Amino acid sequence: MQTFGEKLRILRKQRGMTLQELAQALGFQTHSYLSKIETEKHMPAVELVVKVSEFFNVPVDKLVKDYLELDS
């Protein structure tokens, strides 16, 4: 099972992006919030889930349901 943080990391790396690049693309000043999400230190806000869904063109339910894996 993949958590949201793991899925975020997978999607980011598939695009060849750093945390800082993704943070800027999603409208954040720094990458620290996304780092905490990827390492499971924080739960994502709904707004972030929607932004990630739109940015990576992945359905929200695939991002938030741990039992739904991302396709490689």
N, C-alpha and C. Protein backbone atom coordinates (compact mmCIF):
# COMPACT_ATOMS: atom_id res chain seq x y z
N MET A 1 0.83 -1.18 0.00
CA MET A 1 0.00 0.00 0.00
C MET A 1 0.88 1.25 0.00
N GLN A 2 0.47 2.21 -0.79
CA GLN A 2 1.21 3.46 -0.88
C GLN A 2 0.41 4.58 -0.22
N THR A 3 1.09 5.33 0.62
CA THR A 3 0.45 6.48 1.26
C THR A 3 0.51 7.68 0.33
N PHE A 4 -0.20 8.75 0.69
CA PHE A 4 -0.18 9.96 -0.12
C PHE A 4 1.25 10.48 -0.28
N GLY A 5 2.00 10.49 0.81
CA GLY A 5 3.38 10.98 0.76
C GLY A 5 4.24 10.17 -0.20
N GLU A 6 4.09 8.86 -0.15
CA GLU A 6 4.85 8.01 -1.07
C GLU A 6 4.45 8.27 -2.52
N LYS A 7 3.16 8.43 -2.74
CA LYS A 7 2.67 8.70 -4.10
C LYS A 7 3.17 10.05 -4.59
N LEU A 8 3.19 11.03 -3.72
CA LEU A 8 3.70 12.35 -4.09
C LEU A 8 5.17 12.25 -4.51
N ARG A 9 5.96 11.52 -3.75
CA ARG A 9 7.37 11.34 -4.06
C ARG A 9 7.53 10.62 -5.41
N ILE A 10 6.76 9.58 -5.64
CA ILE A 10 6.83 8.83 -6.90
C ILE A 10 6.50 9.74 -8.08
N LEU A 11 5.41 10.49 -7.98
CA LEU A 11 5.00 11.37 -9.07
C LEU A 11 6.05 12.44 -9.34
N ARG A 12 6.59 13.01 -8.26
CA ARG A 12 7.61 14.05 -8.40
C ARG A 12 8.84 13.50 -9.10
N LYS A 13 9.29 12.33 -8.68
CA LYS A 13 10.50 11.75 -9.27
C LYS A 13 10.26 11.31 -10.71
N GLN A 14 9.06 10.84 -11.02
CA GLN A 14 8.74 10.48 -12.40
C GLN A 14 8.86 11.69 -13.32
N ARG A 15 8.57 12.87 -12.80
CA ARG A 15 8.71 14.10 -13.58
C ARG A 15 10.12 14.66 -13.53
N GLY A 16 10.98 14.05 -12.73
CA GLY A 16 12.36 14.53 -12.61
C GLY A 16 12.46 15.85 -11.89
N MET A 17 11.57 16.08 -10.93
CA MET A 17 11.52 17.35 -10.21
C MET A 17 12.14 17.22 -8.83
N THR A 18 12.74 18.30 -8.36
CA THR A 18 13.17 18.37 -6.97
C THR A 18 11.98 18.82 -6.13
N LEU A 19 12.11 18.70 -4.83
CA LEU A 19 11.06 19.20 -3.94
C LEU A 19 10.86 20.69 -4.12
N GLN A 20 11.95 21.42 -4.27
CA GLN A 20 11.87 22.87 -4.45
C GLN A 20 11.12 23.22 -5.74
N GLU A 21 11.41 22.52 -6.82
CA GLU A 21 10.74 22.77 -8.09
C GLU A 21 9.23 22.49 -7.98
N LEU A 22 8.89 21.39 -7.32
CA LEU A 22 7.48 21.07 -7.15
C LEU A 22 6.80 22.10 -6.26
N ALA A 23 7.46 22.49 -5.20
CA ALA A 23 6.89 23.51 -4.31
C ALA A 23 6.58 24.79 -5.08
N GLN A 24 7.50 25.23 -5.90
CA GLN A 24 7.28 26.44 -6.70
C GLN A 24 6.13 26.24 -7.68
N ALA A 25 6.07 25.09 -8.31
CA ALA A 25 5.00 24.81 -9.29
C ALA A 25 3.63 24.79 -8.62
N LEU A 26 3.59 24.40 -7.35
CA LEU A 26 2.32 24.33 -6.63
C LEU A 26 2.01 25.62 -5.86
N GLY A 27 2.92 26.60 -5.94
CA GLY A 27 2.67 27.90 -5.33
C GLY A 27 3.16 28.07 -3.90
N PHE A 28 4.11 27.25 -3.47
CA PHE A 28 4.66 27.37 -2.12
C PHE A 28 5.99 28.11 -2.18
N GLN A 29 6.30 28.84 -1.13
CA GLN A 29 7.55 29.59 -1.05
C GLN A 29 8.75 28.66 -0.84
N THR A 30 8.57 27.64 0.00
CA THR A 30 9.65 26.71 0.31
C THR A 30 9.14 25.28 0.14
N HIS A 31 10.07 24.35 0.21
CA HIS A 31 9.71 22.94 0.03
C HIS A 31 9.49 22.20 1.35
N SER A 32 9.62 22.88 2.48
CA SER A 32 9.56 22.20 3.77
C SER A 32 8.22 21.52 4.03
N TYR A 33 7.12 22.16 3.64
CA TYR A 33 5.79 21.55 3.84
C TYR A 33 5.68 20.26 3.04
N LEU A 34 6.11 20.30 1.78
CA LEU A 34 6.02 19.10 0.95
C LEU A 34 6.95 18.00 1.46
N SER A 35 8.09 18.39 1.98
CA SER A 35 9.01 17.42 2.56
C SER A 35 8.35 16.69 3.74
N LYS A 36 7.65 17.44 4.57
CA LYS A 36 6.96 16.83 5.71
C LYS A 36 5.83 15.92 5.26
N ILE A 37 5.20 16.25 4.15
CA ILE A 37 4.14 15.40 3.61
C ILE A 37 4.75 14.10 3.08
N GLU A 38 5.83 14.23 2.31
CA GLU A 38 6.47 13.04 1.74
C GLU A 38 7.00 12.10 2.81
N THR A 39 7.46 12.65 3.92
CA THR A 39 8.02 11.82 5.00
C THR A 39 6.98 11.46 6.06
N GLU A 40 5.73 11.77 5.78
CA GLU A 40 4.60 11.39 6.63
C GLU A 40 4.61 12.07 8.00
N LYS A 41 5.25 13.23 8.10
CA LYS A 41 5.25 13.97 9.35
C LYS A 41 4.02 14.85 9.47
N HIS A 42 3.37 15.13 8.33
CA HIS A 42 2.14 15.91 8.29
C HIS A 42 1.17 15.26 7.32
N MET A 43 -0.10 15.43 7.59
CA MET A 43 -1.14 15.02 6.66
C MET A 43 -1.38 16.18 5.70
N PRO A 44 -1.66 15.87 4.44
CA PRO A 44 -1.87 16.96 3.48
C PRO A 44 -3.22 17.63 3.68
N ALA A 45 -3.26 18.92 3.42
CA ALA A 45 -4.52 19.65 3.42
C ALA A 45 -5.27 19.29 2.14
N VAL A 46 -6.57 19.42 2.17
CA VAL A 46 -7.39 19.10 1.01
C VAL A 46 -6.95 19.92 -0.20
N GLU A 47 -6.61 21.17 0.02
CA GLU A 47 -6.19 22.03 -1.07
C GLU A 47 -4.94 21.48 -1.77
N LEU A 48 -4.02 20.94 -0.99
CA LEU A 48 -2.81 20.35 -1.58
C LEU A 48 -3.17 19.13 -2.40
N VAL A 49 -4.04 18.29 -1.88
CA VAL A 49 -4.44 17.08 -2.61
C VAL A 49 -5.02 17.46 -3.97
N VAL A 50 -5.86 18.47 -3.99
CA VAL A 50 -6.47 18.92 -5.25
C VAL A 50 -5.41 19.47 -6.20
N LYS A 51 -4.48 20.28 -5.67
CA LYS A 51 -3.42 20.83 -6.52
C LYS A 51 -2.56 19.73 -7.12
N VAL A 52 -2.20 18.75 -6.30
CA VAL A 52 -1.37 17.63 -6.77
C VAL A 52 -2.13 16.84 -7.83
N SER A 53 -3.40 16.60 -7.58
CA SER A 53 -4.25 15.87 -8.52
C SER A 53 -4.27 16.57 -9.88
N GLU A 54 -4.47 17.86 -9.87
CA GLU A 54 -4.54 18.62 -11.12
C GLU A 54 -3.17 18.72 -11.79
N PHE A 55 -2.13 18.95 -11.01
CA PHE A 55 -0.79 19.11 -11.56
C PHE A 55 -0.30 17.83 -12.25
N PHE A 56 -0.52 16.69 -11.60
CA PHE A 56 -0.05 15.42 -12.14
C PHE A 56 -1.12 14.67 -12.94
N ASN A 57 -2.31 15.26 -13.02
CA ASN A 57 -3.42 14.65 -13.77
C ASN A 57 -3.73 13.23 -13.25
N VAL A 58 -3.87 13.14 -11.93
CA VAL A 58 -4.18 11.87 -11.26
C VAL A 58 -5.45 12.09 -10.44
N PRO A 59 -6.42 11.18 -10.53
CA PRO A 59 -7.65 11.36 -9.75
C PRO A 59 -7.38 11.45 -8.25
N VAL A 60 -8.13 12.28 -7.57
CA VAL A 60 -7.97 12.49 -6.12
C VAL A 60 -8.07 11.16 -5.37
N ASP A 61 -9.06 10.34 -5.72
CA ASP A 61 -9.22 9.10 -4.97
C ASP A 61 -8.01 8.19 -5.10
N LYS A 62 -7.32 8.22 -6.22
CA LYS A 62 -6.12 7.40 -6.38
C LYS A 62 -4.99 7.92 -5.49
N LEU A 63 -5.00 9.21 -5.20
CA LEU A 63 -3.98 9.79 -4.33
C LEU A 63 -4.24 9.52 -2.85
N VAL A 64 -5.49 9.55 -2.44
CA VAL A 64 -5.79 9.49 -1.00
C VAL A 64 -6.13 8.10 -0.48
N LYS A 65 -6.52 7.19 -1.36
CA LYS A 65 -6.84 5.84 -0.91
C LYS A 65 -5.58 5.00 -0.96
N ASP A 66 -5.11 4.62 0.22
CA ASP A 66 -3.84 3.89 0.33
C ASP A 66 -3.86 2.58 -0.44
N TYR A 67 -5.00 1.98 -0.58
CA TYR A 67 -5.07 0.67 -1.25
C TYR A 67 -5.06 0.78 -2.77
N LEU A 68 -5.15 1.98 -3.30
CA LEU A 68 -5.04 2.19 -4.75
C LEU A 68 -3.60 2.59 -5.07
N GLU A 69 -2.91 1.71 -5.78
CA GLU A 69 -1.52 1.95 -6.13
C GLU A 69 -1.42 2.81 -7.38
N LEU A 70 -0.34 3.56 -7.50
CA LEU A 70 -0.05 4.29 -8.72
C LEU A 70 0.51 3.33 -9.76
N ASP A 71 0.19 3.55 -11.00
CA ASP A 71 0.77 2.77 -12.07
C ASP A 71 2.21 3.21 -12.28
N SER A 72 3.07 2.29 -12.53
CA SER A 72 4.49 2.63 -12.74
C SER A 72 4.73 3.13 -14.12
